N, C-alpha and C. Protein backbone atom coordinates (compact mmCIF):
# COMPACT_ATOMS: atom_id res chain seq x y z
N MET A 1 0.50 -1.29 -0.10
CA MET A 1 -0.40 0.03 -0.22
C MET A 1 0.73 1.24 0.44
N VAL A 2 2.05 0.99 0.87
CA VAL A 2 3.02 2.14 1.13
C VAL A 2 3.59 2.57 -0.75
N SER A 3 4.06 1.60 -1.58
CA SER A 3 4.70 1.90 -2.61
C SER A 3 3.48 2.66 -3.74
N VAL A 4 2.21 1.73 -3.73
CA VAL A 4 1.20 2.46 -4.32
C VAL A 4 1.11 4.46 -4.04
N ALA A 5 1.05 4.40 -2.59
CA ALA A 5 1.02 5.74 -2.39
C ALA A 5 2.33 6.60 -3.10
N ILE A 6 3.08 6.21 -2.85
CA ILE A 6 4.51 6.83 -3.53
C ILE A 6 4.68 7.03 -4.62
N ALA A 7 4.28 6.04 -5.39
CA ALA A 7 3.89 6.05 -6.82
C ALA A 7 3.05 6.41 -7.26
N VAL A 8 1.62 6.92 -6.30
CA VAL A 8 1.24 8.14 -7.02
C VAL A 8 1.49 9.44 -6.79
N ALA A 9 2.37 9.48 -5.65
CA ALA A 9 2.95 10.71 -4.80
C ALA A 9 4.31 11.38 -6.26
N CYS A 10 4.75 10.46 -6.70
CA CYS A 10 5.41 10.58 -7.93
C CYS A 10 5.21 11.05 -9.08
N LEU A 11 3.57 10.52 -9.59
CA LEU A 11 3.55 10.47 -10.67
C LEU A 11 2.97 12.16 -10.46
N PHE A 12 2.24 12.11 -9.59
CA PHE A 12 1.53 13.93 -9.33
C PHE A 12 2.72 15.27 -9.24
N ALA A 13 4.27 14.51 -8.61
CA ALA A 13 4.85 15.60 -8.95
C ALA A 13 5.42 15.71 -10.17
N ALA A 14 5.59 14.61 -11.30
CA ALA A 14 6.22 14.79 -12.43
C ALA A 14 5.34 15.63 -13.46
N VAL A 15 4.09 15.78 -12.82
CA VAL A 15 3.06 15.73 -13.73
C VAL A 15 3.15 17.50 -13.76
N SER A 16 2.99 18.03 -12.09
CA SER A 16 3.11 19.40 -11.78
C SER A 16 4.05 20.20 -11.94
N THR A 17 5.23 19.36 -11.94
CA THR A 17 6.69 19.86 -12.75
C THR A 17 6.14 20.39 -13.95
N GLU A 18 5.86 19.26 -15.00
CA GLU A 18 5.71 19.58 -16.57
C GLU A 18 4.58 20.48 -16.75
N ALA A 19 3.31 20.80 -15.32
CA ALA A 19 2.60 21.92 -16.27
C ALA A 19 2.95 23.04 -15.46
N SER A 20 4.08 23.12 -14.62
CA SER A 20 4.44 24.84 -14.45
C SER A 20 5.82 24.81 -15.09
N ALA A 21 6.28 24.25 -16.17
CA ALA A 21 7.49 24.37 -16.90
C ALA A 21 7.70 25.66 -17.04
N PRO A 22 8.87 26.54 -17.29
CA PRO A 22 8.87 27.53 -17.57
C PRO A 22 8.28 27.62 -19.10
N CYS A 23 8.30 29.09 -19.90
CA CYS A 23 7.64 28.92 -21.27
C CYS A 23 9.08 29.44 -22.04
N ASN A 24 9.53 28.74 -23.11
CA ASN A 24 10.71 29.32 -23.89
C ASN A 24 10.30 29.83 -25.10
N PHE A 25 10.91 31.58 -24.49
CA PHE A 25 10.00 32.33 -25.66
C PHE A 25 11.12 32.74 -26.72
N ASN A 26 12.63 32.38 -26.75
CA ASN A 26 13.76 32.37 -27.22
C ASN A 26 13.44 31.36 -28.83
N GLY A 27 13.76 32.78 -29.50
CA GLY A 27 13.52 32.14 -30.69
C GLY A 27 14.43 31.97 -31.63
N PRO A 28 14.96 32.02 -32.68
CA PRO A 28 13.99 32.43 -33.65
C PRO A 28 12.88 31.40 -33.91
N PHE A 29 11.31 31.71 -34.29
CA PHE A 29 10.76 30.46 -34.82
C PHE A 29 10.59 30.15 -36.03
N GLN A 30 10.20 29.05 -36.04
CA GLN A 30 10.72 28.53 -37.57
C GLN A 30 9.03 28.78 -38.24
N ALA A 31 8.65 29.88 -39.71
CA ALA A 31 7.22 29.76 -39.76
C ALA A 31 7.17 29.05 -40.65
N TRP A 32 7.53 27.59 -41.22
CA TRP A 32 7.19 26.46 -41.83
C TRP A 32 6.78 25.68 -40.63
N ARG A 33 7.54 25.61 -39.55
CA ARG A 33 7.01 24.39 -38.76
C ARG A 33 5.74 25.08 -38.48
N SER A 34 5.75 26.10 -38.19
CA SER A 34 4.36 27.05 -37.73
C SER A 34 3.14 26.26 -38.25
N VAL A 35 3.45 26.75 -39.83
CA VAL A 35 2.14 26.69 -41.05
C VAL A 35 2.04 25.25 -40.82
N ASN A 36 2.86 24.16 -40.80
CA ASN A 36 2.73 22.59 -40.89
C ASN A 36 1.94 22.25 -39.39
N GLY A 37 1.72 22.65 -38.38
CA GLY A 37 1.25 22.67 -37.35
C GLY A 37 1.44 20.80 -36.63
N PRO A 38 0.57 20.25 -36.32
CA PRO A 38 0.49 18.95 -35.97
C PRO A 38 0.12 18.41 -37.47
N GLY A 39 -0.11 18.65 -38.28
CA GLY A 39 -0.30 17.73 -39.40
C GLY A 39 -1.16 17.84 -40.32
N SER A 40 -2.22 18.07 -39.30
CA SER A 40 -3.80 17.96 -39.90
C SER A 40 -4.24 19.28 -39.16
N GLY A 41 -5.83 19.09 -39.87
CA GLY A 41 -6.53 19.90 -39.16
C GLY A 41 -6.56 21.26 -39.75
N GLY A 42 -7.09 22.10 -38.74
CA GLY A 42 -6.86 23.79 -39.03
C GLY A 42 -6.62 25.09 -37.64
N TYR A 43 -6.22 25.64 -37.65
CA TYR A 43 -6.67 26.88 -36.49
C TYR A 43 -7.84 27.74 -36.93
N TYR A 44 -8.03 28.46 -35.79
CA TYR A 44 -8.71 29.93 -36.12
C TYR A 44 -8.06 30.49 -34.79
N MET A 45 -8.50 31.53 -35.59
CA MET A 45 -7.63 33.13 -34.94
C MET A 45 -8.25 33.26 -33.66
N VAL A 46 -8.22 33.26 -32.59
CA VAL A 46 -9.13 33.29 -30.90
C VAL A 46 -8.74 34.89 -30.22
N LYS A 47 -7.92 35.50 -30.73
CA LYS A 47 -7.88 36.82 -30.02
C LYS A 47 -7.27 37.73 -31.54
N THR A 48 -7.44 38.97 -30.95
CA THR A 48 -6.60 40.01 -32.00
C THR A 48 -6.60 41.55 -31.48
N THR A 49 -5.69 42.01 -31.90
CA THR A 49 -5.71 43.40 -31.72
C THR A 49 -6.22 44.53 -32.63
N ASP A 50 -6.57 43.46 -33.72
CA ASP A 50 -7.32 44.40 -35.22
C ASP A 50 -8.02 44.33 -35.03
N PRO A 51 -8.50 45.68 -35.39
CA PRO A 51 -10.22 45.96 -35.12
C PRO A 51 -10.84 45.54 -36.63
N GLN A 52 -10.11 45.47 -37.51
CA GLN A 52 -10.87 44.85 -38.36
C GLN A 52 -11.11 44.13 -38.82
N THR A 53 -10.49 42.70 -38.10
CA THR A 53 -10.61 41.23 -38.14
C THR A 53 -12.26 40.40 -38.17
N PRO A 54 -12.47 39.96 -39.35
CA PRO A 54 -13.79 39.46 -39.07
C PRO A 54 -14.02 38.24 -37.57
N ASP A 55 -14.93 37.85 -37.59
CA ASP A 55 -15.42 36.85 -36.67
C ASP A 55 -15.24 35.38 -37.63
N CYS A 56 -14.90 34.54 -36.55
CA CYS A 56 -13.92 33.12 -36.61
C CYS A 56 -13.32 32.97 -37.84
N PRO A 57 -12.01 33.72 -38.13
CA PRO A 57 -10.92 33.72 -39.30
C PRO A 57 -10.56 32.11 -39.06
N TYR A 58 -9.59 31.31 -39.58
CA TYR A 58 -9.41 30.52 -40.16
C TYR A 58 -8.68 30.00 -41.16
N VAL A 59 -7.61 29.16 -40.65
CA VAL A 59 -6.42 28.49 -41.63
C VAL A 59 -6.45 27.03 -41.59
N LEU A 60 -6.43 26.64 -42.85
CA LEU A 60 -6.65 24.72 -42.68
C LEU A 60 -4.63 24.16 -42.77
N VAL A 61 -4.17 23.54 -41.92
CA VAL A 61 -3.26 22.92 -42.62
C VAL A 61 -3.21 23.14 -43.65
N PRO A 62 -1.71 22.95 -44.56
CA PRO A 62 -1.88 22.46 -46.06
C PRO A 62 -1.79 21.03 -46.53
N ARG A 63 -2.18 21.14 -47.38
CA ARG A 63 -2.20 19.16 -47.51
C ARG A 63 -0.83 18.87 -47.81
N THR A 64 0.04 19.96 -48.01
CA THR A 64 1.25 19.67 -48.84
C THR A 64 1.97 20.05 -48.03
N ARG A 65 3.15 19.62 -47.12
CA ARG A 65 3.93 19.41 -46.06
C ARG A 65 4.71 21.10 -46.57
N LEU A 66 5.13 21.83 -45.93
CA LEU A 66 5.71 23.13 -46.49
C LEU A 66 7.52 22.77 -45.71
N THR A 67 8.08 23.49 -46.32
CA THR A 67 9.68 23.36 -45.94
C THR A 67 10.20 24.40 -46.23
N GLU A 68 10.93 25.40 -45.64
CA GLU A 68 11.78 26.14 -45.47
C GLU A 68 11.88 26.62 -46.85
N GLY A 69 11.16 28.06 -47.42
CA GLY A 69 11.40 28.45 -48.76
C GLY A 69 10.53 28.38 -49.69
N ASP A 70 9.75 26.91 -49.40
CA ASP A 70 9.04 26.37 -50.69
C ASP A 70 7.68 27.00 -50.13
N ALA A 71 6.66 27.24 -51.31
CA ALA A 71 5.26 27.83 -51.45
C ALA A 71 4.23 26.54 -51.24
N VAL A 72 3.05 26.69 -50.46
CA VAL A 72 2.26 25.90 -50.94
C VAL A 72 1.05 26.16 -50.64
N GLU A 73 -0.19 25.93 -51.58
CA GLU A 73 -1.57 26.21 -51.24
C GLU A 73 -2.01 25.96 -49.87
N PHE A 74 -3.26 26.72 -49.83
CA PHE A 74 -3.61 26.64 -48.20
C PHE A 74 -5.03 27.16 -48.29
N THR A 75 -5.77 26.93 -47.72
CA THR A 75 -7.48 27.31 -47.57
C THR A 75 -7.36 27.97 -46.06
N TYR A 76 -8.03 28.99 -46.52
CA TYR A 76 -8.86 30.44 -45.27
C TYR A 76 -9.72 31.07 -45.26
N GLY A 77 -10.45 31.55 -44.59
CA GLY A 77 -11.87 32.04 -44.57
C GLY A 77 -12.34 32.56 -43.27
N SER A 78 -13.35 32.92 -43.36
CA SER A 78 -14.37 33.78 -41.76
C SER A 78 -15.49 33.78 -42.00
N LEU A 79 -15.96 34.15 -40.81
CA LEU A 79 -17.71 33.99 -40.93
C LEU A 79 -18.21 35.04 -41.93
N GLU A 80 -19.12 34.79 -42.77
CA GLU A 80 -20.05 35.96 -43.49
C GLU A 80 -21.33 35.41 -43.72
N ASP A 81 -21.96 36.11 -43.39
CA ASP A 81 -23.60 35.30 -43.81
C ASP A 81 -23.99 34.06 -43.04
N GLY A 82 -23.20 33.84 -41.66
CA GLY A 82 -23.55 32.82 -40.96
C GLY A 82 -23.05 31.52 -41.31
N GLU A 83 -22.12 31.73 -42.33
CA GLU A 83 -21.35 30.98 -42.81
C GLU A 83 -19.71 30.42 -43.14
N LEU A 84 -18.96 29.57 -43.16
CA LEU A 84 -17.62 29.81 -43.20
C LEU A 84 -17.13 30.03 -44.95
N THR A 85 -16.46 31.07 -44.92
CA THR A 85 -16.17 31.47 -46.54
C THR A 85 -14.46 30.37 -46.93
N ARG A 86 -14.50 30.07 -48.05
CA ARG A 86 -13.59 29.29 -48.16
C ARG A 86 -13.07 29.86 -49.53
N ARG A 87 -11.42 30.00 -48.78
CA ARG A 87 -10.86 31.07 -50.12
C ARG A 87 -9.30 29.94 -50.13
N THR A 88 -8.42 30.66 -51.15
CA THR A 88 -7.36 29.88 -51.50
C THR A 88 -6.21 31.21 -51.58
N ALA A 89 -4.60 30.58 -50.88
CA ALA A 89 -3.67 31.68 -51.57
C ALA A 89 -2.30 30.59 -51.48
N THR A 90 -1.60 31.29 -51.51
CA THR A 90 -0.32 30.30 -51.47
C THR A 90 0.58 30.82 -50.39
N VAL A 91 1.22 30.18 -49.64
CA VAL A 91 2.02 30.96 -48.22
C VAL A 91 3.22 29.93 -48.32
N SER A 92 4.24 30.47 -48.09
CA SER A 92 5.85 30.70 -47.76
C SER A 92 6.16 30.79 -46.50
N GLY A 93 7.35 30.02 -45.91
CA GLY A 93 8.13 29.93 -44.53
C GLY A 93 9.17 30.79 -45.12
N GLN A 94 9.36 32.00 -44.59
CA GLN A 94 10.87 32.24 -44.67
C GLN A 94 11.34 32.58 -43.56
N GLY A 95 12.49 32.10 -42.82
CA GLY A 95 12.64 32.16 -41.54
C GLY A 95 11.50 32.40 -39.89
N SER A 96 11.32 33.35 -39.79
CA SER A 96 10.15 33.59 -38.75
C SER A 96 8.70 34.19 -39.65
N ASN A 97 9.16 34.77 -40.95
CA ASN A 97 8.05 34.92 -41.64
C ASN A 97 7.10 34.01 -42.65
N ILE A 98 5.97 34.27 -42.21
CA ILE A 98 4.66 33.27 -43.07
C ILE A 98 4.68 34.25 -44.09
N VAL A 99 4.62 34.15 -45.20
CA VAL A 99 4.60 34.93 -46.66
C VAL A 99 3.20 34.45 -47.18
N VAL A 100 2.02 35.19 -47.23
CA VAL A 100 0.92 34.94 -48.28
C VAL A 100 1.09 35.64 -49.74
N THR A 101 0.41 34.76 -50.55
CA THR A 101 0.33 35.80 -51.97
C THR A 101 -0.73 35.57 -52.84
N GLY A 102 -1.10 35.96 -53.10
CA GLY A 102 -2.62 35.55 -53.69
C GLY A 102 -3.69 35.92 -52.78
N GLY A 103 -4.89 35.11 -53.32
CA GLY A 103 -5.85 35.37 -52.75
C GLY A 103 -6.14 36.70 -52.15
N ASP A 104 -7.50 36.91 -50.71
CA ASP A 104 -7.90 38.51 -50.45
C ASP A 104 -6.66 38.98 -49.83
N ASN A 105 -6.09 38.56 -48.83
CA ASN A 105 -5.09 39.00 -47.75
C ASN A 105 -3.75 38.64 -48.13
N PRO A 106 -2.84 39.02 -49.33
CA PRO A 106 -1.82 39.32 -49.44
C PRO A 106 -1.02 39.38 -48.01
N GLY A 107 0.21 39.71 -48.08
CA GLY A 107 1.18 39.65 -46.69
C GLY A 107 2.16 39.12 -46.17
N THR A 108 2.66 39.65 -45.29
CA THR A 108 3.66 38.67 -44.00
C THR A 108 3.35 38.74 -42.88
N THR A 109 3.23 37.80 -42.38
CA THR A 109 2.55 37.96 -40.88
C THR A 109 4.32 37.19 -40.27
N THR A 110 4.54 37.76 -38.72
CA THR A 110 5.70 37.17 -38.40
C THR A 110 5.30 36.67 -36.98
N LEU A 111 6.13 35.41 -37.19
CA LEU A 111 5.67 34.64 -36.00
C LEU A 111 6.24 34.73 -35.06
N ILE A 112 5.80 34.86 -33.77
CA ILE A 112 6.02 35.87 -32.66
C ILE A 112 6.58 34.27 -31.61
N PHE A 113 5.87 33.41 -31.55
CA PHE A 113 5.80 32.48 -30.37
C PHE A 113 4.68 31.20 -31.25
N SER A 114 5.71 29.99 -31.17
CA SER A 114 4.45 28.77 -30.95
C SER A 114 5.48 27.71 -30.86
N ASP A 115 3.89 26.67 -30.75
CA ASP A 115 4.79 25.79 -29.66
C ASP A 115 4.50 24.51 -30.78
N TYR A 116 4.07 24.95 -31.81
CA TYR A 116 4.26 24.12 -33.19
C TYR A 116 3.13 22.72 -33.21
N GLN A 117 2.40 23.28 -32.43
CA GLN A 117 1.31 21.76 -32.42
C GLN A 117 -0.48 22.65 -32.30
N THR A 118 0.08 23.43 -31.13
CA THR A 118 -1.74 23.39 -30.32
C THR A 118 -2.01 25.51 -30.92
N CYS A 119 -0.69 26.06 -30.83
CA CYS A 119 -1.14 27.43 -30.87
C CYS A 119 0.27 28.25 -31.12
N ASP A 120 -0.32 29.95 -31.77
CA ASP A 120 1.04 30.58 -32.44
C ASP A 120 0.35 31.74 -31.94
N VAL A 121 1.27 32.60 -31.83
CA VAL A 121 1.38 34.40 -31.59
C VAL A 121 2.28 34.63 -32.80
N VAL A 122 1.31 35.71 -33.43
CA VAL A 122 1.81 35.96 -34.62
C VAL A 122 1.67 37.87 -34.78
N ARG A 123 2.15 38.49 -35.16
CA ARG A 123 2.00 40.02 -35.80
C ARG A 123 1.88 39.74 -36.95
N GLY A 124 0.17 40.45 -37.34
CA GLY A 124 -0.37 40.31 -38.45
C GLY A 124 0.43 41.11 -39.64
N PRO A 125 -0.17 41.51 -41.02
CA PRO A 125 0.29 42.19 -41.90
C PRO A 125 -0.11 43.70 -41.77
N THR A 126 -1.06 43.83 -40.79
CA THR A 126 -1.37 45.16 -40.72
C THR A 126 -1.08 45.52 -39.77
N GLY A 127 -0.49 44.53 -38.92
CA GLY A 127 0.72 44.96 -37.51
C GLY A 127 -0.36 44.89 -35.94
N GLY A 128 -1.04 44.35 -36.19
CA GLY A 128 -2.00 43.60 -35.24
C GLY A 128 -1.44 42.35 -34.79
N TYR A 129 -1.65 41.89 -33.75
CA TYR A 129 -1.49 41.24 -32.79
C TYR A 129 -2.42 39.61 -32.90
N GLU A 130 -2.08 38.70 -33.07
CA GLU A 130 -3.19 37.83 -33.31
C GLU A 130 -2.94 36.42 -32.63
N LEU A 131 -3.77 35.83 -32.07
CA LEU A 131 -3.47 34.25 -31.52
C LEU A 131 -3.98 33.33 -32.22
N TRP A 132 -3.95 32.15 -32.37
CA TRP A 132 -3.84 31.30 -33.53
C TRP A 132 -4.41 30.05 -32.82
N VAL A 133 -5.27 29.23 -32.55
CA VAL A 133 -5.15 28.41 -31.77
C VAL A 133 -5.66 26.57 -32.82
N HIS A 134 -5.13 25.79 -32.22
CA HIS A 134 -5.57 24.87 -33.12
C HIS A 134 -6.79 24.11 -33.31
N ALA A 135 -8.19 23.87 -33.92
CA ALA A 135 -9.14 23.74 -33.55
C ALA A 135 -9.64 22.33 -32.86
N ASP A 136 -8.69 21.62 -32.55
CA ASP A 136 -8.53 20.32 -31.39
C ASP A 136 -8.67 21.26 -30.28
N ASN A 137 -7.85 22.01 -29.87
CA ASN A 137 -7.50 23.24 -28.43
C ASN A 137 -8.52 24.27 -28.24
N VAL A 138 -9.41 24.54 -29.35
CA VAL A 138 -9.78 26.03 -28.90
C VAL A 138 -10.80 25.83 -28.01
N HIS A 139 -11.26 25.06 -27.18
CA HIS A 139 -12.43 24.80 -26.39
C HIS A 139 -11.61 24.82 -24.87
N ASP A 140 -10.33 25.05 -24.93
CA ASP A 140 -9.79 24.75 -23.75
C ASP A 140 -9.82 26.07 -23.04
N SER A 141 -9.90 26.28 -21.64
CA SER A 141 -9.90 27.61 -20.90
C SER A 141 -8.50 28.40 -20.99
N SER A 142 -7.50 27.67 -21.30
CA SER A 142 -6.12 28.09 -21.48
C SER A 142 -5.40 27.67 -21.94
N HIS A 143 -4.08 28.50 -22.92
CA HIS A 143 -3.86 27.53 -23.81
C HIS A 143 -2.43 28.51 -23.59
N GLY A 144 -2.04 27.85 -22.44
CA GLY A 144 -0.78 27.95 -21.47
C GLY A 144 0.64 29.09 -22.60
N CYS A 145 1.63 28.97 -22.55
CA CYS A 145 2.44 29.80 -23.02
C CYS A 145 2.32 30.83 -24.34
N CYS A 146 1.18 30.41 -25.07
CA CYS A 146 0.93 31.43 -26.02
C CYS A 146 -0.24 32.59 -25.60
N ASP A 147 -1.02 32.07 -24.26
CA ASP A 147 -1.46 33.33 -23.43
C ASP A 147 -0.64 34.20 -22.77
N THR A 148 -0.15 33.62 -22.32
CA THR A 148 1.18 34.44 -21.96
C THR A 148 1.98 35.51 -23.11
N LYS A 149 2.24 35.11 -23.74
CA LYS A 149 2.93 35.53 -24.77
C LYS A 149 2.30 36.46 -25.42
N PHE A 150 0.85 36.56 -25.83
CA PHE A 150 -0.27 37.54 -26.11
C PHE A 150 -0.41 38.34 -25.28
N TYR A 151 -0.66 38.25 -24.06
CA TYR A 151 -0.82 39.11 -23.25
C TYR A 151 0.72 40.45 -23.27
N GLN A 152 1.50 39.63 -23.06
CA GLN A 152 3.22 39.96 -22.82
C GLN A 152 3.03 41.13 -24.15
N VAL A 153 2.72 40.79 -25.33
CA VAL A 153 2.89 41.63 -26.69
C VAL A 153 1.91 42.50 -26.71
N THR A 154 0.64 42.50 -26.14
CA THR A 154 -0.44 43.25 -26.58
C THR A 154 -0.61 44.28 -25.07
N GLY A 155 -0.26 43.63 -23.62
CA GLY A 155 -0.09 44.63 -22.56
C GLY A 155 -1.64 44.36 -22.01
N GLY A 156 -2.31 43.29 -23.36
CA GLY A 156 -3.77 43.14 -22.15
C GLY A 156 -5.28 44.88 -23.41
N ASN A 157 -4.42 45.16 -23.90
CA ASN A 157 -4.96 46.34 -24.54
C ASN A 157 -5.18 46.19 -25.91
N GLY A 158 -6.86 46.45 -26.38
CA GLY A 158 -7.17 46.65 -27.17
C GLY A 158 -7.76 44.71 -27.87
N ILE A 159 -7.79 44.16 -26.84
CA ILE A 159 -7.63 43.02 -27.39
C ILE A 159 -9.04 42.51 -27.97
N ARG A 160 -9.60 41.88 -28.93
CA ARG A 160 -10.84 41.54 -29.54
C ARG A 160 -11.00 39.96 -29.64
N ASP A 161 -12.03 39.13 -29.12
CA ASP A 161 -12.29 38.00 -29.28
C ASP A 161 -13.18 37.39 -30.62
N VAL A 162 -12.47 37.15 -31.27
CA VAL A 162 -12.82 37.12 -32.76
C VAL A 162 -13.68 35.24 -32.82
N TYR A 163 -13.01 34.59 -32.27
CA TYR A 163 -13.67 33.31 -32.02
C TYR A 163 -14.81 32.89 -31.09
N GLN A 164 -15.67 32.81 -31.41
CA GLN A 164 -17.00 32.02 -30.42
C GLN A 164 -17.17 31.48 -30.41
N GLU A 165 -18.12 30.43 -29.13
CA GLU A 165 -18.87 29.06 -29.16
C GLU A 165 -19.72 29.18 -30.81
N THR A 166 -20.22 29.72 -31.03
CA THR A 166 -21.15 29.47 -31.96
C THR A 166 -20.41 29.32 -33.71
N CYS A 167 -19.16 30.07 -33.38
CA CYS A 167 -18.47 29.18 -34.98
C CYS A 167 -18.37 27.98 -35.23
N PRO A 168 -18.67 28.09 -37.10
CA PRO A 168 -19.06 26.79 -37.21
C PRO A 168 -18.29 26.20 -37.25
N PRO A 169 -17.98 24.52 -37.28
CA PRO A 169 -16.60 24.02 -37.55
C PRO A 169 -15.85 23.97 -38.66
N LEU A 170 -14.58 23.86 -38.57
CA LEU A 170 -13.95 24.05 -40.26
C LEU A 170 -14.45 23.13 -41.01
N PRO A 171 -14.20 23.37 -42.34
CA PRO A 171 -14.61 23.09 -43.27
C PRO A 171 -13.51 21.31 -43.66
N THR A 172 -13.78 20.83 -44.50
CA THR A 172 -12.84 19.55 -44.51
C THR A 172 -12.02 20.26 -45.64
N GLN A 173 -10.88 19.55 -46.05
CA GLN A 173 -9.89 19.91 -47.33
C GLN A 173 -11.00 19.20 -48.50
């Protein structure tokens, strides 16, 4: 019985240590890795400081894996008349820059922080800060280091919640 209690205590200590591990904000962060994310699904923009951003913006992870300097087609959109729009453009990763050409919103977005799986913090092409979260994690109450970094760069000022519980599910590829 004592060995079970010790095993549980050790497991709890290991989980607690992992959960409280400090965030590593040391870059540079690689845009191409961020665009690939976990390899499937997509991301919703959850928060932004850009007042012109529509509700429920999303991007789908490209079907073709992106590598440094290459360009691939990707799908993106936002809420319009109660439905998610579906548009395409070309994306490339150049250092910490995500470069979008074609489509309705070409420009360069700078990756400030990424965990490469669940979330990214970026500075968009118009200068606003954005918090993007993978669709599998969008309902989580906290986005860990991404929340920390987002509030650090924005100072908590001018933040808009553009993802709502009423946002439709992501379209399929």
